[in-house]
Amino acid sequence: MTEQTAPGAGDCEQRRTEIEARQKEFDALWLKMSQGDTSGAARYRELRHILDDLRVEYRKTCGELTESSSLPPSVVSDWRT
């Protein structure tokens, strides 16, 4: 039986950086779509699934994730309750 080791802080930081970059892209697409421009709808759906997977992996290996969003507070208030 082999012992599984947790990733180093650098691995977790790299994962967090990727999540933050993808979240910024997601937020920008959301704003665009909320204004009626649906040209990025496919990428929006793809990013939503990518972010879900990245968050699951982060929690498994690095612990709880604290995130922020560039969207207006009125938009995300329901998400954070």
PDB file of N, CA and C in Angstrom:
ATOM      1  N   MET A   1       0.838  -1.163   0.000  1.00  0.00           N
ATOM      2  CA  MET A   1       0.000   0.000   0.000  1.00  0.00           C
ATOM      3  C   MET A   1       0.897   1.245   0.000  1.00  0.00           C
ATOM      4  N   THR A   2       0.599   2.194  -0.876  1.00  0.00           N
ATOM      5  CA  THR A   2       1.401   3.405  -0.938  1.00  0.00           C
ATOM      6  C   THR A   2       0.677   4.552  -0.266  1.00  0.00           C
ATOM      7  N   GLU A   3       1.436   5.446   0.315  1.00  0.00           N
ATOM      8  CA  GLU A   3       0.870   6.601   0.985  1.00  0.00           C
ATOM      9  C   GLU A   3       0.712   7.726  -0.027  1.00  0.00           C
ATOM     10  N   GLN A   4      -0.467   8.327  -0.042  1.00  0.00           N
ATOM     11  CA  GLN A   4      -0.717   9.424  -0.959  1.00  0.00           C
ATOM     12  C   GLN A   4      -0.360  10.730  -0.263  1.00  0.00           C
ATOM     13  N   THR A   5       0.442  11.553  -0.921  1.00  0.00           N
ATOM     14  CA  THR A   5       0.836  12.814  -0.318  1.00  0.00           C
ATOM     15  C   THR A   5       0.037  13.948  -0.916  1.00  0.00           C
ATOM     16  N   ALA A   6      -0.231  14.940  -0.095  1.00  0.00           N
ATOM     17  CA  ALA A   6      -0.971  16.119  -0.545  1.00  0.00           C
ATOM     18  C   ALA A   6      -0.068  16.966  -1.426  1.00  0.00           C
ATOM     19  N   PRO A   7      -0.660  17.674  -2.376  1.00  0.00           N
ATOM     20  CA  PRO A   7       0.160  18.525  -3.240  1.00  0.00           C
ATOM     21  C   PRO A   7       0.776  19.657  -2.438  1.00  0.00           C
ATOM     22  N   GLY A   8       1.878  20.192  -2.926  1.00  0.00           N
ATOM     23  CA  GLY A   8       2.529  21.299  -2.255  1.00  0.00           C
ATOM     24  C   GLY A   8       1.725  22.571  -2.398  1.00  0.00           C
ATOM     25  N   ALA A   9       2.123  23.572  -1.641  1.00  0.00           N
ATOM     26  CA  ALA A   9       1.429  24.858  -1.685  1.00  0.00           C
ATOM     27  C   ALA A   9       1.466  25.455  -3.085  1.00  0.00           C
ATOM     28  N   GLY A  10       2.534  25.201  -3.817  1.00  0.00           N
ATOM     29  CA  GLY A  10       2.650  25.708  -5.185  1.00  0.00           C
ATOM     30  C   GLY A  10       1.600  25.107  -6.101  1.00  0.00           C
ATOM     31  N   ASP A  11       1.323  23.811  -5.920  1.00  0.00           N
ATOM     32  CA  ASP A  11       0.282  23.154  -6.714  1.00  0.00           C
ATOM     33  C   ASP A  11      -1.074  23.780  -6.438  1.00  0.00           C
ATOM     34  N   CYS A  12      -1.365  24.010  -5.170  1.00  0.00           N
ATOM     35  CA  CYS A  12      -2.645  24.610  -4.797  1.00  0.00           C
ATOM     36  C   CYS A  12      -2.738  26.040  -5.313  1.00  0.00           C
ATOM     37  N   GLU A  13      -1.654  26.764  -5.244  1.00  0.00           N
ATOM     38  CA  GLU A  13      -1.654  28.139  -5.733  1.00  0.00           C
ATOM     39  C   GLU A  13      -1.873  28.164  -7.246  1.00  0.00           C
ATOM     40  N   GLN A  14      -1.265  27.242  -7.949  1.00  0.00           N
ATOM     41  CA  GLN A  14      -1.443  27.152  -9.398  1.00  0.00           C
ATOM     42  C   GLN A  14      -2.899  26.827  -9.736  1.00  0.00           C
ATOM     43  N   ARG A  15      -3.492  25.924  -8.983  1.00  0.00           N
ATOM     44  CA  ARG A  15      -4.893  25.571  -9.204  1.00  0.00           C
ATOM     45  C   ARG A  15      -5.803  26.764  -8.927  1.00  0.00           C
ATOM     46  N   ARG A  16      -5.526  27.481  -7.847  1.00  0.00           N
ATOM     47  CA  ARG A  16      -6.326  28.658  -7.496  1.00  0.00           C
ATOM     48  C   ARG A  16      -6.196  29.721  -8.587  1.00  0.00           C
ATOM     49  N   THR A  17      -4.996  29.929  -9.103  1.00  0.00           N
ATOM     50  CA  THR A  17      -4.775  30.899 -10.175  1.00  0.00           C
ATOM     51  C   THR A  17      -5.573  30.527 -11.414  1.00  0.00           C
ATOM     52  N   GLU A  18      -5.607  29.242 -11.745  1.00  0.00           N
ATOM     53  CA  GLU A  18      -6.382  28.798 -12.908  1.00  0.00           C
ATOM     54  C   GLU A  18      -7.879  29.038 -12.688  1.00  0.00           C
ATOM     55  N   ILE A  19      -8.364  28.723 -11.492  1.00  0.00           N
ATOM     56  CA  ILE A  19      -9.776  28.952 -11.180  1.00  0.00           C
ATOM     57  C   ILE A  19     -10.108  30.439 -11.294  1.00  0.00           C
ATOM     58  N   GLU A  20      -9.252  31.285 -10.752  1.00  0.00           N
ATOM     59  CA  GLU A  20      -9.511  32.730 -10.803  1.00  0.00           C
ATOM     60  C   GLU A  20      -9.520  33.254 -12.235  1.00  0.00           C
ATOM     61  N   ALA A  21      -8.607  32.775 -13.070  1.00  0.00           N
ATOM     62  CA  ALA A  21      -8.562  33.216 -14.465  1.00  0.00           C
ATOM     63  C   ALA A  21      -9.820  32.767 -15.209  1.00  0.00           C
ATOM     64  N   ARG A  22     -10.215  31.536 -15.002  1.00  0.00           N
ATOM     65  CA  ARG A  22     -11.424  31.030 -15.664  1.00  0.00           C
ATOM     66  C   ARG A  22     -12.665  31.748 -15.139  1.00  0.00           C
ATOM     67  N   GLN A  23     -12.670  32.088 -13.838  1.00  0.00           N
ATOM     68  CA  GLN A  23     -13.813  32.797 -13.262  1.00  0.00           C
ATOM     69  C   GLN A  23     -13.944  34.190 -13.870  1.00  0.00           C
ATOM     70  N   LYS A  24     -12.836  34.869 -14.097  1.00  0.00           N
ATOM     71  CA  LYS A  24     -12.884  36.195 -14.724  1.00  0.00           C
ATOM     72  C   LYS A  24     -13.469  36.111 -16.135  1.00  0.00           C
ATOM     73  N   GLU A  25     -13.048  35.087 -16.874  1.00  0.00           N
ATOM     74  CA  GLU A  25     -13.592  34.904 -18.221  1.00  0.00           C
ATOM     75  C   GLU A  25     -15.092  34.607 -18.148  1.00  0.00           C
ATOM     76  N   PHE A  26     -15.481  33.754 -17.198  1.00  0.00           N
ATOM     77  CA  PHE A  26     -16.879  33.407 -17.001  1.00  0.00           C
ATOM     78  C   PHE A  26     -17.706  34.644 -16.657  1.00  0.00           C
ATOM     79  N   ASP A  27     -17.206  35.469 -15.741  1.00  0.00           N
ATOM     80  CA  ASP A  27     -17.906  36.691 -15.340  1.00  0.00           C
ATOM     81  C   ASP A  27     -18.106  37.631 -16.525  1.00  0.00           C
ATOM     82  N   ALA A  28     -17.070  37.784 -17.336  1.00  0.00           N
ATOM     83  CA  ALA A  28     -17.159  38.672 -18.496  1.00  0.00           C
ATOM     84  C   ALA A  28     -18.205  38.158 -19.487  1.00  0.00           C
ATOM     85  N   LEU A  29     -18.225  36.857 -19.703  1.00  0.00           N
ATOM     86  CA  LEU A  29     -19.229  36.280 -20.593  1.00  0.00           C
ATOM     87  C   LEU A  29     -20.631  36.442 -20.016  1.00  0.00           C
ATOM     88  N   TRP A  30     -20.768  36.259 -18.717  1.00  0.00           N
ATOM     89  CA  TRP A  30     -22.073  36.409 -18.083  1.00  0.00           C
ATOM     90  C   TRP A  30     -22.594  37.827 -18.284  1.00  0.00           C
ATOM     91  N   LEU A  31     -21.737  38.822 -18.061  1.00  0.00           N
ATOM     92  CA  LEU A  31     -22.151  40.209 -18.247  1.00  0.00           C
ATOM     93  C   LEU A  31     -22.575  40.467 -19.691  1.00  0.00           C
ATOM     94  N   LYS A  32     -21.812  39.946 -20.620  1.00  0.00           N
ATOM     95  CA  LYS A  32     -22.108  40.106 -22.039  1.00  0.00           C
ATOM     96  C   LYS A  32     -23.468  39.484 -22.376  1.00  0.00           C
ATOM     97  N   MET A  33     -23.684  38.282 -21.883  1.00  0.00           N
ATOM     98  CA  MET A  33     -24.934  37.591 -22.164  1.00  0.00           C
ATOM     99  C   MET A  33     -26.118  38.271 -21.482  1.00  0.00           C
ATOM    100  N   SER A  34     -25.894  38.827 -20.300  1.00  0.00           N
ATOM    101  CA  SER A  34     -26.987  39.495 -19.588  1.00  0.00           C
ATOM    102  C   SER A  34     -27.427  40.761 -20.315  1.00  0.00           C
ATOM    103  N   GLN A  35     -26.582  41.242 -21.214  1.00  0.00           N
ATOM    104  CA  GLN A  35     -26.908  42.421 -22.011  1.00  0.00           C
ATOM    105  C   GLN A  35     -27.476  42.026 -23.376  1.00  0.00           C
ATOM    106  N   GLY A  36     -27.722  40.732 -23.572  1.00  0.00           N
ATOM    107  CA  GLY A  36     -28.368  40.259 -24.786  1.00  0.00           C
ATOM    108  C   GLY A  36     -27.455  39.670 -25.839  1.00  0.00           C
ATOM    109  N   ASP A  37     -26.156  39.697 -25.623  1.00  0.00           N
ATOM    110  CA  ASP A  37     -25.218  39.136 -26.600  1.00  0.00           C
ATOM    111  C   ASP A  37     -24.978  37.670 -26.261  1.00  0.00           C
ATOM    112  N   THR A  38     -25.577  36.791 -27.030  1.00  0.00           N
ATOM    113  CA  THR A  38     -25.464  35.354 -26.750  1.00  0.00           C
ATOM    114  C   THR A  38     -24.393  34.666 -27.592  1.00  0.00           C
ATOM    115  N   SER A  39     -23.524  35.433 -28.206  1.00  0.00           N
ATOM    116  CA  SER A  39     -22.492  34.836 -29.060  1.00  0.00           C
ATOM    117  C   SER A  39     -21.519  33.948 -28.282  1.00  0.00           C
ATOM    118  N   GLY A  40     -21.403  34.130 -26.978  1.00  0.00           N
ATOM    119  CA  GLY A  40     -20.489  33.316 -26.181  1.00  0.00           C
ATOM    120  C   GLY A  40     -21.187  32.253 -25.360  1.00  0.00           C
ATOM    121  N   ALA A  41     -22.420  31.908 -25.713  1.00  0.00           N
ATOM    122  CA  ALA A  41     -23.211  30.974 -24.907  1.00  0.00           C
ATOM    123  C   ALA A  41     -22.545  29.599 -24.777  1.00  0.00           C
ATOM    124  N   ALA A  42     -21.995  29.084 -25.851  1.00  0.00           N
ATOM    125  CA  ALA A  42     -21.359  27.763 -25.793  1.00  0.00           C
ATOM    126  C   ALA A  42     -20.150  27.785 -24.869  1.00  0.00           C
ATOM    127  N   ARG A  43     -19.325  28.823 -24.965  1.00  0.00           N
ATOM    128  CA  ARG A  43     -18.146  28.943 -24.101  1.00  0.00           C
ATOM    129  C   ARG A  43     -18.571  29.134 -22.648  1.00  0.00           C
ATOM    130  N   TYR A  44     -19.636  29.881 -22.435  1.00  0.00           N
ATOM    131  CA  TYR A  44     -20.169  30.099 -21.086  1.00  0.00           C
ATOM    132  C   TYR A  44     -20.529  28.762 -20.435  1.00  0.00           C
ATOM    133  N   ARG A  45     -21.266  27.924 -21.162  1.00  0.00           N
ATOM    134  CA  ARG A  45     -21.650  26.609 -20.629  1.00  0.00           C
ATOM    135  C   ARG A  45     -20.411  25.736 -20.389  1.00  0.00           C
ATOM    136  N   GLU A  46     -19.475  25.792 -21.321  1.00  0.00           N
ATOM    137  CA  GLU A  46     -18.239  25.014 -21.173  1.00  0.00           C
ATOM    138  C   GLU A  46     -17.466  25.458 -19.931  1.00  0.00           C
ATOM    139  N   LEU A  47     -17.338  26.756 -19.748  1.00  0.00           N
ATOM    140  CA  LEU A  47     -16.615  27.278 -18.588  1.00  0.00           C
ATOM    141  C   LEU A  47     -17.298  26.912 -17.279  1.00  0.00           C
ATOM    142  N   ARG A  48     -18.617  26.916 -17.280  1.00  0.00           N
ATOM    143  CA  ARG A  48     -19.347  26.559 -16.058  1.00  0.00           C
ATOM    144  C   ARG A  48     -18.974  25.145 -15.627  1.00  0.00           C
ATOM    145  N   HIS A  49     -18.908  24.222 -16.575  1.00  0.00           N
ATOM    146  CA  HIS A  49     -18.543  22.836 -16.247  1.00  0.00           C
ATOM    147  C   HIS A  49     -17.066  22.714 -15.868  1.00  0.00           C
ATOM    148  N   ILE A  50     -16.210  23.435 -16.573  1.00  0.00           N
ATOM    149  CA  ILE A  50     -14.776  23.431 -16.246  1.00  0.00           C
ATOM    150  C   ILE A  50     -14.566  23.933 -14.823  1.00  0.00           C
ATOM    151  N   LEU A  51     -15.222  25.040 -14.474  1.00  0.00           N
ATOM    152  CA  LEU A  51     -15.084  25.602 -13.130  1.00  0.00           C
ATOM    153  C   LEU A  51     -15.594  24.635 -12.067  1.00  0.00           C
ATOM    154  N   ASP A  52     -16.708  23.995 -12.324  1.00  0.00           N
ATOM    155  CA  ASP A  52     -17.222  23.007 -11.369  1.00  0.00           C
ATOM    156  C   ASP A  52     -16.192  21.917 -11.122  1.00  0.00           C
ATOM    157  N   ASP A  53     -15.604  21.382 -12.195  1.00  0.00           N
ATOM    158  CA  ASP A  53     -14.598  20.322 -12.069  1.00  0.00           C
ATOM    159  C   ASP A  53     -13.348  20.810 -11.343  1.00  0.00           C
ATOM    160  N   LEU A  54     -12.891  22.015 -11.679  1.00  0.00           N
ATOM    161  CA  LEU A  54     -11.697  22.565 -11.027  1.00  0.00           C
ATOM    162  C   LEU A  54     -11.929  22.768  -9.535  1.00  0.00           C
ATOM    163  N   ARG A  55     -13.105  23.233  -9.170  1.00  0.00           N
ATOM    164  CA  ARG A  55     -13.425  23.451  -7.748  1.00  0.00           C
ATOM    165  C   ARG A  55     -13.471  22.137  -6.979  1.00  0.00           C
ATOM    166  N   VAL A  56     -14.039  21.114  -7.592  1.00  0.00           N
ATOM    167  CA  VAL A  56     -14.100  19.798  -6.946  1.00  0.00           C
ATOM    168  C   VAL A  56     -12.684  19.281  -6.701  1.00  0.00           C
ATOM    169  N   GLU A  57     -11.842  19.356  -7.713  1.00  0.00           N
ATOM    170  CA  GLU A  57     -10.464  18.887  -7.572  1.00  0.00           C
ATOM    171  C   GLU A  57      -9.707  19.696  -6.520  1.00  0.00           C
ATOM    172  N   TYR A  58      -9.908  21.003  -6.514  1.00  0.00           N
ATOM    173  CA  TYR A  58      -9.232  21.854  -5.536  1.00  0.00           C
ATOM    174  C   TYR A  58      -9.635  21.443  -4.124  1.00  0.00           C
ATOM    175  N   ARG A  59     -10.923  21.263  -3.901  1.00  0.00           N
ATOM    176  CA  ARG A  59     -11.398  20.890  -2.555  1.00  0.00           C
ATOM    177  C   ARG A  59     -10.866  19.537  -2.116  1.00  0.00           C
ATOM    178  N   LYS A  60     -10.750  18.604  -3.052  1.00  0.00           N
ATOM    179  CA  LYS A  60     -10.234  17.271  -2.724  1.00  0.00           C
ATOM    180  C   LYS A  60      -8.786  17.325  -2.259  1.00  0.00           C
ATOM    181  N   THR A  61      -7.984  18.140  -2.926  1.00  0.00           N
ATOM    182  CA  THR A  61      -6.545  18.111  -2.665  1.00  0.00           C
ATOM    183  C   THR A  61      -6.012  19.280  -1.854  1.00  0.00           C
ATOM    184  N   CYS A  62      -6.728  20.398  -1.858  1.00  0.00           N
ATOM    185  CA  CYS A  62      -6.181  21.600  -1.220  1.00  0.00           C
ATOM    186  C   CYS A  62      -7.046  22.144  -0.089  1.00  0.00           C
ATOM    187  N   GLY A  63      -8.252  21.647   0.066  1.00  0.00           N
ATOM    188  CA  GLY A  63      -9.134  22.135   1.116  1.00  0.00           C
ATOM    189  C   GLY A  63     -10.192  23.079   0.565  1.00  0.00           C
ATOM    190  N   GLU A  64     -10.853  23.747   1.477  1.00  0.00           N
ATOM    191  CA  GLU A  64     -11.951  24.638   1.097  1.00  0.00           C
ATOM    192  C   GLU A  64     -11.441  25.803   0.266  1.00  0.00           C
ATOM    193  N   LEU A  65     -12.263  26.251  -0.642  1.00  0.00           N
ATOM    194  CA  LEU A  65     -11.906  27.308  -1.578  1.00  0.00           C
ATOM    195  C   LEU A  65     -12.705  28.556  -1.264  1.00  0.00           C
ATOM    196  N   THR A  66     -12.024  29.690  -1.141  1.00  0.00           N
ATOM    197  CA  THR A  66     -12.674  30.977  -0.971  1.00  0.00           C
ATOM    198  C   THR A  66     -12.486  31.737  -2.264  1.00  0.00           C
ATOM    199  N   GLU A  67     -13.597  32.175  -2.835  1.00  0.00           N
ATOM    200  CA  GLU A  67     -13.533  32.837  -4.133  1.00  0.00           C
ATOM    201  C   GLU A  67     -14.158  34.219  -4.073  1.00  0.00           C
ATOM    202  N   SER A  68     -13.830  34.994  -5.092  1.00  0.00           N
ATOM    203  CA  SER A  68     -14.470  36.284  -5.274  1.00  0.00           C
ATOM    204  C   SER A  68     -14.941  36.359  -6.723  1.00  0.00           C
ATOM    205  N   SER A  69     -15.740  37.369  -7.005  1.00  0.00           N
ATOM    206  CA  SER A  69     -16.265  37.526  -8.349  1.00  0.00           C
ATOM    207  C   SER A  69     -16.186  38.993  -8.733  1.00  0.00           C
ATOM    208  N   SER A  70     -16.020  39.235 -10.018  1.00  0.00           N
ATOM    209  CA  SER A  70     -16.003  40.609 -10.498  1.00  0.00           C
ATOM    210  C   SER A  70     -17.404  41.073 -10.870  1.00  0.00           C
ATOM    211  N   LEU A  71     -18.389  40.197 -10.694  1.00  0.00           N
ATOM    212  CA  LEU A  71     -19.761  40.576 -10.979  1.00  0.00           C
ATOM    213  C   LEU A  71     -20.281  41.500  -9.876  1.00  0.00           C
ATOM    214  N   PRO A  72     -21.265  42.327 -10.201  1.00  0.00           N
ATOM    215  CA  PRO A  72     -21.827  43.235  -9.197  1.00  0.00           C
ATOM    216  C   PRO A  72     -22.418  42.465  -8.012  1.00  0.00           C
ATOM    217  N   PRO A  73     -22.328  43.005  -6.795  1.00  0.00           N
ATOM    218  CA  PRO A  73     -22.869  42.320  -5.614  1.00  0.00           C
ATOM    219  C   PRO A  73     -24.345  41.953  -5.753  1.00  0.00           C
ATOM    220  N   SER A  74     -25.115  42.758  -6.446  1.00  0.00           N
ATOM    221  CA  SER A  74     -26.543  42.456  -6.613  1.00  0.00           C
ATOM    222  C   SER A  74     -26.745  41.157  -7.393  1.00  0.00           C
ATOM    223  N   VAL A  75     -25.793  40.802  -8.215  1.00  0.00           N
ATOM    224  CA  VAL A  75     -25.896  39.590  -9.016  1.00  0.00           C
ATOM    225  C   VAL A  75     -25.520  38.358  -8.202  1.00  0.00           C
ATOM    226  N   VAL A  76     -24.478  38.449  -7.418  1.00  0.00           N
ATOM    227  CA  VAL A  76     -23.954  37.279  -6.721  1.00  0.00           C
ATOM    228  C   VAL A  76     -24.517  37.102  -5.318  1.00  0.00           C
ATOM    229  N   SER A  77     -25.314  38.045  -4.832  1.00  0.00           N
ATOM    230  CA  SER A  77     -25.803  37.954  -3.458  1.00  0.00           C
ATOM    231  C   SER A  77     -26.585  36.664  -3.224  1.00  0.00           C
ATOM    232  N   ASP A  78     -27.396  36.243  -4.180  1.00  0.00           N
ATOM    233  CA  ASP A  78     -28.155  34.993  -4.038  1.00  0.00           C
ATOM    234  C   ASP A  78     -27.254  33.779  -4.046  1.00  0.00           C
ATOM    235  N   TRP A  79     -26.136  33.838  -4.745  1.00  0.00           N
ATOM    236  CA  TRP A  79     -25.208  32.713  -4.843  1.00  0.00           C
ATOM    237  C   TRP A  79     -24.499  32.463  -3.532  1.00  0.00           C
ATOM    238  N   ARG A  80     -24.325  33.506  -2.743  1.00  0.00           N
ATOM    239  CA  ARG A  80     -23.487  33.394  -1.537  1.00  0.00           C
ATOM    240  C   ARG A  80     -24.280  33.095  -0.285  1.00  0.00           C
ATOM    241  N   THR A  81     -25.577  32.928  -0.396  1.00  0.00           N
ATOM    242  CA  THR A  81     -26.394  32.651   0.792  1.00  0.00           C
ATOM    243  C   THR A  81     -26.527  31.182   1.041  1.00  0.00           C
TER     244      THR A  81
END
